[in-house]
Amino acid sequence: MIRQDFLAVGRSAAQLLREPAVIEAWSKPSALEEFTVSGLAGHLAFQVLAIPEIVASPIPTEPTISVLDHYARVEWIDAGLDDEISLRIRSGGDLVAADGPVVLADRLDAALDQLTAELPQIADRPVRISLWGPWSLMLDDMLLTRLMELAVHSDDLAVSVGLPTPELPPSAVETVVGLLTRLSVRRHGASAVLRTLSRAERAPRTITAF
């Protein structure tokens, strides 16, 4: 199901990129600090655009880790706005979006068409994004991380231009919320999450996953 949800949410993101409100606000600041709308759109699209190259690469030989171990290692979670990893993420979004919204949406559609044809034929095997570091994830775990990014940044982009948050498939929402909940428990502890979800009078100020 993760592959179908990834493709469905990717299609939703592609539709969002073609919204007139996104095109009109292309060069304006986004709801995310230091991100322009264009840079955020590029970062959103990258979550899909990176996958064809990843699945075409040779199978990595280093150890494969779990999703939670992956998030324990990535640099961006605790990085400040001016840290090198944050600057690299923003400049990467700008680069992906450099040719404008129409070209970006076309590239995203083409990548989704390719992945729709290819993903059903690919076994769940180790893959990696070289920018992260010397570790691998299983393909379906990789797609889970990208699905989360697509869902979260689709909301960011919609809010940035005054559009409603795209309605995503219920199974995709459940999967993303499940991942974010596990990350929140890892960050804040089980009691904080349980209290926030069940006891408003004892809830901590925040249980954000990142």
C-alpha atoms as a PDB file:
ATOM      1  CA  MET A   1       0.000   0.000   0.000  1.00  0.00           C
ATOM      2  CA  ILE A   2       2.910   2.358   0.682  1.00  0.00           C
ATOM      3  CA  ARG A   3       3.776   2.526  -3.013  1.00  0.00           C
ATOM      4  CA  GLN A   4       0.228   3.368  -4.071  1.00  0.00           C
ATOM      5  CA  ASP A   5      -0.019   6.025  -1.371  1.00  0.00           C
ATOM      6  CA  PHE A   6       3.336   7.515  -2.341  1.00  0.00           C
ATOM      7  CA  LEU A   7       2.220   7.816  -5.956  1.00  0.00           C
ATOM      8  CA  ALA A   8      -1.203   9.189  -5.023  1.00  0.00           C
ATOM      9  CA  VAL A   9       0.237  11.883  -2.750  1.00  0.00           C
ATOM     10  CA  GLY A  10       2.840  12.668  -5.393  1.00  0.00           C
ATOM     11  CA  ARG A  11       0.025  13.236  -7.906  1.00  0.00           C
ATOM     12  CA  SER A  12      -1.675  15.515  -5.403  1.00  0.00           C
ATOM     13  CA  ALA A  13       1.537  17.501  -5.032  1.00  0.00           C
ATOM     14  CA  ALA A  14       1.828  17.818  -8.807  1.00  0.00           C
ATOM     15  CA  GLN A  15      -1.703  19.231  -8.981  1.00  0.00           C
ATOM     16  CA  LEU A  16      -0.855  21.690  -6.215  1.00  0.00           C
ATOM     17  CA  LEU A  17       2.146  22.957  -8.177  1.00  0.00           C
ATOM     18  CA  ARG A  18      -0.166  23.881 -11.059  1.00  0.00           C
ATOM     19  CA  GLU A  19      -2.506  25.962  -8.897  1.00  0.00           C
ATOM     20  CA  PRO A  20      -2.625  29.616 -10.037  1.00  0.00           C
ATOM     21  CA  ALA A  21      -2.041  30.731  -6.442  1.00  0.00           C
ATOM     22  CA  VAL A  22       1.280  28.864  -6.375  1.00  0.00           C
ATOM     23  CA  ILE A  23       2.364  30.275  -9.711  1.00  0.00           C
ATOM     24  CA  GLU A  24       1.430  33.827  -8.708  1.00  0.00           C
ATOM     25  CA  ALA A  25       3.314  33.603  -5.401  1.00  0.00           C
ATOM     26  CA  TRP A  26       6.341  31.827  -6.877  1.00  0.00           C
ATOM     27  CA  SER A  27       8.954  34.388  -5.813  1.00  0.00           C
ATOM     28  CA  LYS A  28       7.343  35.331  -2.476  1.00  0.00           C
ATOM     29  CA  PRO A  29       8.237  34.085   1.014  1.00  0.00           C
ATOM     30  CA  SER A  30       6.591  30.833   2.091  1.00  0.00           C
ATOM     31  CA  ALA A  31       5.155  29.815   5.447  1.00  0.00           C
ATOM     32  CA  LEU A  32       8.519  28.189   6.247  1.00  0.00           C
ATOM     33  CA  GLU A  33      11.154  30.584   7.491  1.00  0.00           C
ATOM     34  CA  GLU A  34      13.841  31.389   4.881  1.00  0.00           C
ATOM     35  CA  PHE A  35      12.052  29.334   2.182  1.00  0.00           C
ATOM     36  CA  THR A  36      10.494  31.052  -0.821  1.00  0.00           C
ATOM     37  CA  VAL A  37       7.380  29.517  -2.351  1.00  0.00           C
ATOM     38  CA  SER A  38       9.495  28.372  -5.294  1.00  0.00           C
ATOM     39  CA  GLY A  39      12.146  26.806  -3.061  1.00  0.00           C
ATOM     40  CA  LEU A  40       9.494  25.026  -1.024  1.00  0.00           C
ATOM     41  CA  ALA A  41       7.845  23.780  -4.227  1.00  0.00           C
ATOM     42  CA  GLY A  42      11.202  22.491  -5.426  1.00  0.00           C
ATOM     43  CA  HIS A  43      11.804  20.731  -2.123  1.00  0.00           C
ATOM     44  CA  LEU A  44       8.326  19.197  -2.321  1.00  0.00           C
ATOM     45  CA  ALA A  45       8.869  17.935  -5.859  1.00  0.00           C
ATOM     46  CA  PHE A  46      12.322  16.568  -4.997  1.00  0.00           C
ATOM     47  CA  GLN A  47      10.719  13.954  -2.769  1.00  0.00           C
ATOM     48  CA  VAL A  48       9.496  12.245  -5.953  1.00  0.00           C
ATOM     49  CA  LEU A  49      12.143  13.394  -8.423  1.00  0.00           C
ATOM     50  CA  ALA A  50      14.912  11.712  -6.412  1.00  0.00           C
ATOM     51  CA  ILE A  51      13.348   8.263  -6.533  1.00  0.00           C
ATOM     52  CA  PRO A  52      13.942   7.207 -10.187  1.00  0.00           C
ATOM     53  CA  GLU A  53      17.692   7.702  -9.780  1.00  0.00           C
ATOM     54  CA  ILE A  54      17.652   5.925  -6.425  1.00  0.00           C
ATOM     55  CA  VAL A  55      15.955   2.801  -7.768  1.00  0.00           C
ATOM     56  CA  ALA A  56      18.200   2.784 -10.855  1.00  0.00           C
ATOM     57  CA  SER A  57      21.389   2.845  -8.752  1.00  0.00           C
ATOM     58  CA  PRO A  58      23.275  -0.323  -7.820  1.00  0.00           C
ATOM     59  CA  ILE A  59      22.100  -2.009  -4.642  1.00  0.00           C
ATOM     60  CA  PRO A  60      24.202  -0.560  -1.802  1.00  0.00           C
ATOM     61  CA  THR A  61      26.351  -2.892   0.253  1.00  0.00           C
ATOM     62  CA  GLU A  62      26.415  -1.067   3.580  1.00  0.00           C
ATOM     63  CA  PRO A  63      24.086  -2.144   6.409  1.00  0.00           C
ATOM     64  CA  THR A  64      20.386  -1.336   6.079  1.00  0.00           C
ATOM     65  CA  ILE A  65      18.838   0.418   9.078  1.00  0.00           C
ATOM     66  CA  SER A  66      15.309   0.999  10.329  1.00  0.00           C
ATOM     67  CA  VAL A  67      13.270   4.140   9.711  1.00  0.00           C
ATOM     68  CA  LEU A  68      13.629   5.279  13.323  1.00  0.00           C
ATOM     69  CA  ASP A  69      17.388   4.711  13.213  1.00  0.00           C
ATOM     70  CA  HIS A  70      17.451   6.780  10.034  1.00  0.00           C
ATOM     71  CA  TYR A  71      15.791   9.714  11.773  1.00  0.00           C
ATOM     72  CA  ALA A  72      18.201   9.346  14.692  1.00  0.00           C
ATOM     73  CA  ARG A  73      21.081   9.934  12.246  1.00  0.00           C
ATOM     74  CA  VAL A  74      19.907  12.653   9.861  1.00  0.00           C
ATOM     75  CA  GLU A  75      21.432  16.071  10.538  1.00  0.00           C
ATOM     76  CA  TRP A  76      18.483  18.281   9.654  1.00  0.00           C
ATOM     77  CA  ILE A  77      16.203  17.384  12.567  1.00  0.00           C
ATOM     78  CA  ASP A  78      18.067  19.461  15.158  1.00  0.00           C
ATOM     79  CA  ALA A  79      19.741  21.878  12.743  1.00  0.00           C
ATOM     80  CA  GLY A  80      19.331  25.647  12.961  1.00  0.00           C
ATOM     81  CA  LEU A  81      18.247  27.801  10.035  1.00  0.00           C
ATOM     82  CA  ASP A  82      21.813  28.854   9.305  1.00  0.00           C
ATOM     83  CA  ASP A  83      23.442  25.462   9.716  1.00  0.00           C
ATOM     84  CA  GLU A  84      25.073  23.987   6.625  1.00  0.00           C
ATOM     85  CA  ILE A  85      22.503  21.224   6.201  1.00  0.00           C
ATOM     86  CA  SER A  86      19.611  23.713   6.332  1.00  0.00           C
ATOM     87  CA  LEU A  87      21.293  25.963   3.786  1.00  0.00           C
ATOM     88  CA  ARG A  88      21.883  22.958   1.543  1.00  0.00           C
ATOM     89  CA  ILE A  89      18.240  21.886   1.746  1.00  0.00           C
ATOM     90  CA  ARG A  90      16.991  25.373   0.836  1.00  0.00           C
ATOM     91  CA  SER A  91      19.487  25.846  -1.983  1.00  0.00           C
ATOM     92  CA  GLY A  92      18.565  22.400  -3.292  1.00  0.00           C
ATOM     93  CA  GLY A  93      14.899  23.384  -3.413  1.00  0.00           C
ATOM     94  CA  ASP A  94      15.798  26.567  -5.262  1.00  0.00           C
ATOM     95  CA  LEU A  95      17.857  24.621  -7.783  1.00  0.00           C
ATOM     96  CA  VAL A  96      15.107  22.074  -8.465  1.00  0.00           C
ATOM     97  CA  ALA A  97      12.601  24.917  -9.025  1.00  0.00           C
ATOM     98  CA  ALA A  98      14.927  27.122 -11.079  1.00  0.00           C
ATOM     99  CA  ASP A  99      13.094  26.639 -14.395  1.00  0.00           C
ATOM    100  CA  GLY A 100       9.737  27.743 -13.030  1.00  0.00           C
ATOM    101  CA  PRO A 101       6.479  26.172 -11.874  1.00  0.00           C
ATOM    102  CA  VAL A 102       5.273  24.763 -15.190  1.00  0.00           C
ATOM    103  CA  VAL A 103       8.555  22.987 -15.949  1.00  0.00           C
ATOM    104  CA  LEU A 104       8.717  21.691 -12.386  1.00  0.00           C
ATOM    105  CA  ALA A 105       5.178  20.321 -12.544  1.00  0.00           C
ATOM    106  CA  ASP A 106       5.929  18.689 -15.916  1.00  0.00           C
ATOM    107  CA  ARG A 107       9.059  17.051 -14.491  1.00  0.00           C
ATOM    108  CA  LEU A 108       7.101  15.802 -11.518  1.00  0.00           C
ATOM    109  CA  ASP A 109       4.367  14.356 -13.741  1.00  0.00           C
ATOM    110  CA  ALA A 110       6.978  12.593 -15.870  1.00  0.00           C
ATOM    111  CA  ALA A 111       8.686  11.103 -12.825  1.00  0.00           C
ATOM    112  CA  LEU A 112       5.351   9.892 -11.472  1.00  0.00           C
ATOM    113  CA  ASP A 113       4.483   8.291 -14.810  1.00  0.00           C
ATOM    114  CA  GLN A 114       7.848   6.514 -14.798  1.00  0.00           C
ATOM    115  CA  LEU A 115       7.468   5.337 -11.212  1.00  0.00           C
ATOM    116  CA  THR A 116       3.889   4.186 -11.779  1.00  0.00           C
ATOM    117  CA  ALA A 117       5.236   1.829 -14.434  1.00  0.00           C
ATOM    118  CA  GLU A 118       8.405   0.774 -12.608  1.00  0.00           C
ATOM    119  CA  LEU A 119       7.624   0.495  -8.897  1.00  0.00           C
ATOM    120  CA  PRO A 120       5.320  -2.555  -9.150  1.00  0.00           C
ATOM    121  CA  GLN A 121       8.177  -4.472 -10.795  1.00  0.00           C
ATOM    122  CA  ILE A 122      10.820  -3.639  -8.158  1.00  0.00           C
ATOM    123  CA  ALA A 123      11.363  -5.852  -5.134  1.00  0.00           C
ATOM    124  CA  ASP A 124      11.687  -4.268  -1.712  1.00  0.00           C
ATOM    125  CA  ARG A 125      15.458  -3.937  -1.541  1.00  0.00           C
ATOM    126  CA  PRO A 126      18.113  -1.662  -0.007  1.00  0.00           C
ATOM    127  CA  VAL A 127      18.415   1.840  -1.474  1.00  0.00           C
ATOM    128  CA  ARG A 128      19.892   5.113  -0.339  1.00  0.00           C
ATOM    129  CA  ILE A 129      20.132   8.836  -0.979  1.00  0.00           C
ATOM    130  CA  SER A 130      23.841   9.630  -1.071  1.00  0.00           C
ATOM    131  CA  LEU A 131      23.315  13.068   0.509  1.00  0.00           C
ATOM    132  CA  TRP A 132      22.196  11.505   3.792  1.00  0.00           C
ATOM    133  CA  GLY A 133      25.226   9.515   4.776  1.00  0.00           C
ATOM    134  CA  PRO A 134      26.646   6.001   4.605  1.00  0.00           C
ATOM    135  CA  TRP A 135      23.511   4.025   5.380  1.00  0.00           C
ATOM    136  CA  SER A 136      20.653   2.411   3.488  1.00  0.00           C
ATOM    137  CA  LEU A 137      16.925   1.904   3.912  1.00  0.00           C
ATOM    138  CA  MET A 138      14.679  -0.683   2.366  1.00  0.00           C
ATOM    139  CA  LEU A 139      12.847   0.780  -0.621  1.00  0.00           C
ATOM    140  CA  ASP A 140       9.430   0.763   1.047  1.00  0.00           C
ATOM    141  CA  ASP A 141      10.903   2.480   4.120  1.00  0.00           C
ATOM    142  CA  MET A 142      12.471   5.058   1.833  1.00  0.00           C
ATOM    143  CA  LEU A 143       9.079   5.674   0.231  1.00  0.00           C
ATOM    144  CA  LEU A 144       7.558   6.032   3.704  1.00  0.00           C
ATOM    145  CA  THR A 145      10.002   8.842   4.511  1.00  0.00           C
ATOM    146  CA  ARG A 146       9.225  10.538   1.193  1.00  0.00           C
ATOM    147  CA  LEU A 147       5.469  10.099   1.735  1.00  0.00           C
ATOM    148  CA  MET A 148       5.771  11.919   5.039  1.00  0.00           C
ATOM    149  CA  GLU A 149       7.721  14.735   3.401  1.00  0.00           C
ATOM    150  CA  LEU A 150       5.139  15.027   0.621  1.00  0.00           C
ATOM    151  CA  ALA A 151       2.244  15.217   3.060  1.00  0.00           C
ATOM    152  CA  VAL A 152       3.886  17.726   5.392  1.00  0.00           C
ATOM    153  CA  HIS A 153       5.249  19.994   2.671  1.00  0.00           C
ATOM    154  CA  SER A 154       2.018  19.894   0.663  1.00  0.00           C
ATOM    155  CA  ASP A 155       0.392  21.440   3.718  1.00  0.00           C
ATOM    156  CA  ASP A 156       3.239  23.958   4.001  1.00  0.00           C
ATOM    157  CA  LEU A 157       2.890  24.986   0.368  1.00  0.00           C
ATOM    158  CA  ALA A 158      -0.886  25.247   0.472  1.00  0.00           C
ATOM    159  CA  VAL A 159      -0.779  27.392   3.616  1.00  0.00           C
ATOM    160  CA  SER A 160       1.905  29.566   2.015  1.00  0.00           C
ATOM    161  CA  VAL A 161      -0.416  30.600  -0.821  1.00  0.00           C
ATOM    162  CA  GLY A 162      -3.760  30.614   0.983  1.00  0.00           C
ATOM    163  CA  LEU A 163      -5.110  27.319  -0.349  1.00  0.00           C
ATOM    164  CA  PRO A 164      -6.817  24.533   1.597  1.00  0.00           C
ATOM    165  CA  THR A 165      -4.555  21.673   2.527  1.00  0.00           C
ATOM    166  CA  PRO A 166      -4.924  18.955  -0.138  1.00  0.00           C
ATOM    167  CA  GLU A 167      -7.118  16.049   0.916  1.00  0.00           C
ATOM    168  CA  LEU A 168      -4.984  12.924   0.904  1.00  0.00           C
ATOM    169  CA  PRO A 169      -6.003   9.239   0.847  1.00  0.00           C
ATOM    170  CA  PRO A 170      -6.994   8.068   4.346  1.00  0.00           C
ATOM    171  CA  SER A 171      -4.435   5.263   4.233  1.00  0.00           C
ATOM    172  CA  ALA A 172      -1.671   7.772   3.445  1.00  0.00           C
ATOM    173  CA  VAL A 173      -2.764  10.024   6.310  1.00  0.00           C
ATOM    174  CA  GLU A 174      -2.824   7.080   8.721  1.00  0.00           C
ATOM    175  CA  THR A 175       0.647   6.006   7.630  1.00  0.00           C
ATOM    176  CA  VAL A 176       2.137   9.495   7.955  1.00  0.00           C
ATOM    177  CA  VAL A 177       0.473  10.128  11.317  1.00  0.00           C
ATOM    178  CA  GLY A 178       1.758   6.756  12.503  1.00  0.00           C
ATOM    179  CA  LEU A 179       5.332   7.654  11.558  1.00  0.00           C
ATOM    180  CA  LEU A 180       5.098  11.121  13.099  1.00  0.00           C
ATOM    181  CA  THR A 181       3.660   9.623  16.290  1.00  0.00           C
ATOM    182  CA  ARG A 182       6.554   7.186  16.583  1.00  0.00           C
ATOM    183  CA  LEU A 183       8.999  10.044  16.036  1.00  0.00           C
ATOM    184  CA  SER A 184       7.171  12.136  18.634  1.00  0.00           C
ATOM    185  CA  VAL A 185       7.385   9.315  21.177  1.00  0.00           C
ATOM    186  CA  ARG A 186      11.100   8.987  20.431  1.00  0.00           C
ATOM    187  CA  ARG A 187      11.599  12.711  20.974  1.00  0.00           C
ATOM    188  CA  HIS A 188       9.269  13.450  23.903  1.00  0.00           C
ATOM    189  CA  GLY A 189       8.489  10.096  25.511  1.00  0.00           C
ATOM    190  CA  ALA A 190       5.331   8.005  25.575  1.00  0.00           C
ATOM    191  CA  SER A 191       3.716   9.828  28.497  1.00  0.00           C
ATOM    192  CA  ALA A 192       3.854  13.195  26.752  1.00  0.00           C
ATOM    193  CA  VAL A 193       2.185  11.801  23.645  1.00  0.00           C
ATOM    194  CA  LEU A 194      -0.454   9.858  25.585  1.00  0.00           C
ATOM    195  CA  ARG A 195      -1.344  12.905  27.666  1.00  0.00           C
ATOM    196  CA  THR A 196      -1.579  15.188  24.661  1.00  0.00           C
ATOM    197  CA  LEU A 197      -3.909  12.780  22.879  1.00  0.00           C
ATOM    198  CA  SER A 198      -6.089  12.001  25.901  1.00  0.00           C
ATOM    199  CA  ARG A 199      -5.707  14.552  28.714  1.00  0.00           C
ATOM    200  CA  ALA A 200      -5.653  18.200  27.654  1.00  0.00           C
ATOM    201  CA  GLU A 201      -5.216  19.340  31.268  1.00  0.00           C
ATOM    202  CA  ARG A 202      -1.890  17.472  31.525  1.00  0.00           C
ATOM    203  CA  ALA A 203      -0.664  17.937  27.964  1.00  0.00           C
ATOM    204  CA  PRO A 204       2.829  19.354  27.457  1.00  0.00           C
ATOM    205  CA  ARG A 205       3.313  22.458  25.358  1.00  0.00           C
ATOM    206  CA  THR A 206       4.328  20.507  22.258  1.00  0.00           C
ATOM    207  CA  ILE A 207       4.872  16.980  20.983  1.00  0.00           C
ATOM    208  CA  THR A 208       6.149  17.894  17.528  1.00  0.00           C
ATOM    209  CA  ALA A 209       8.057  15.082  15.875  1.00  0.00           C
ATOM    210  CA  PHE A 210      10.937  17.330  14.791  1.00  0.00           C
END
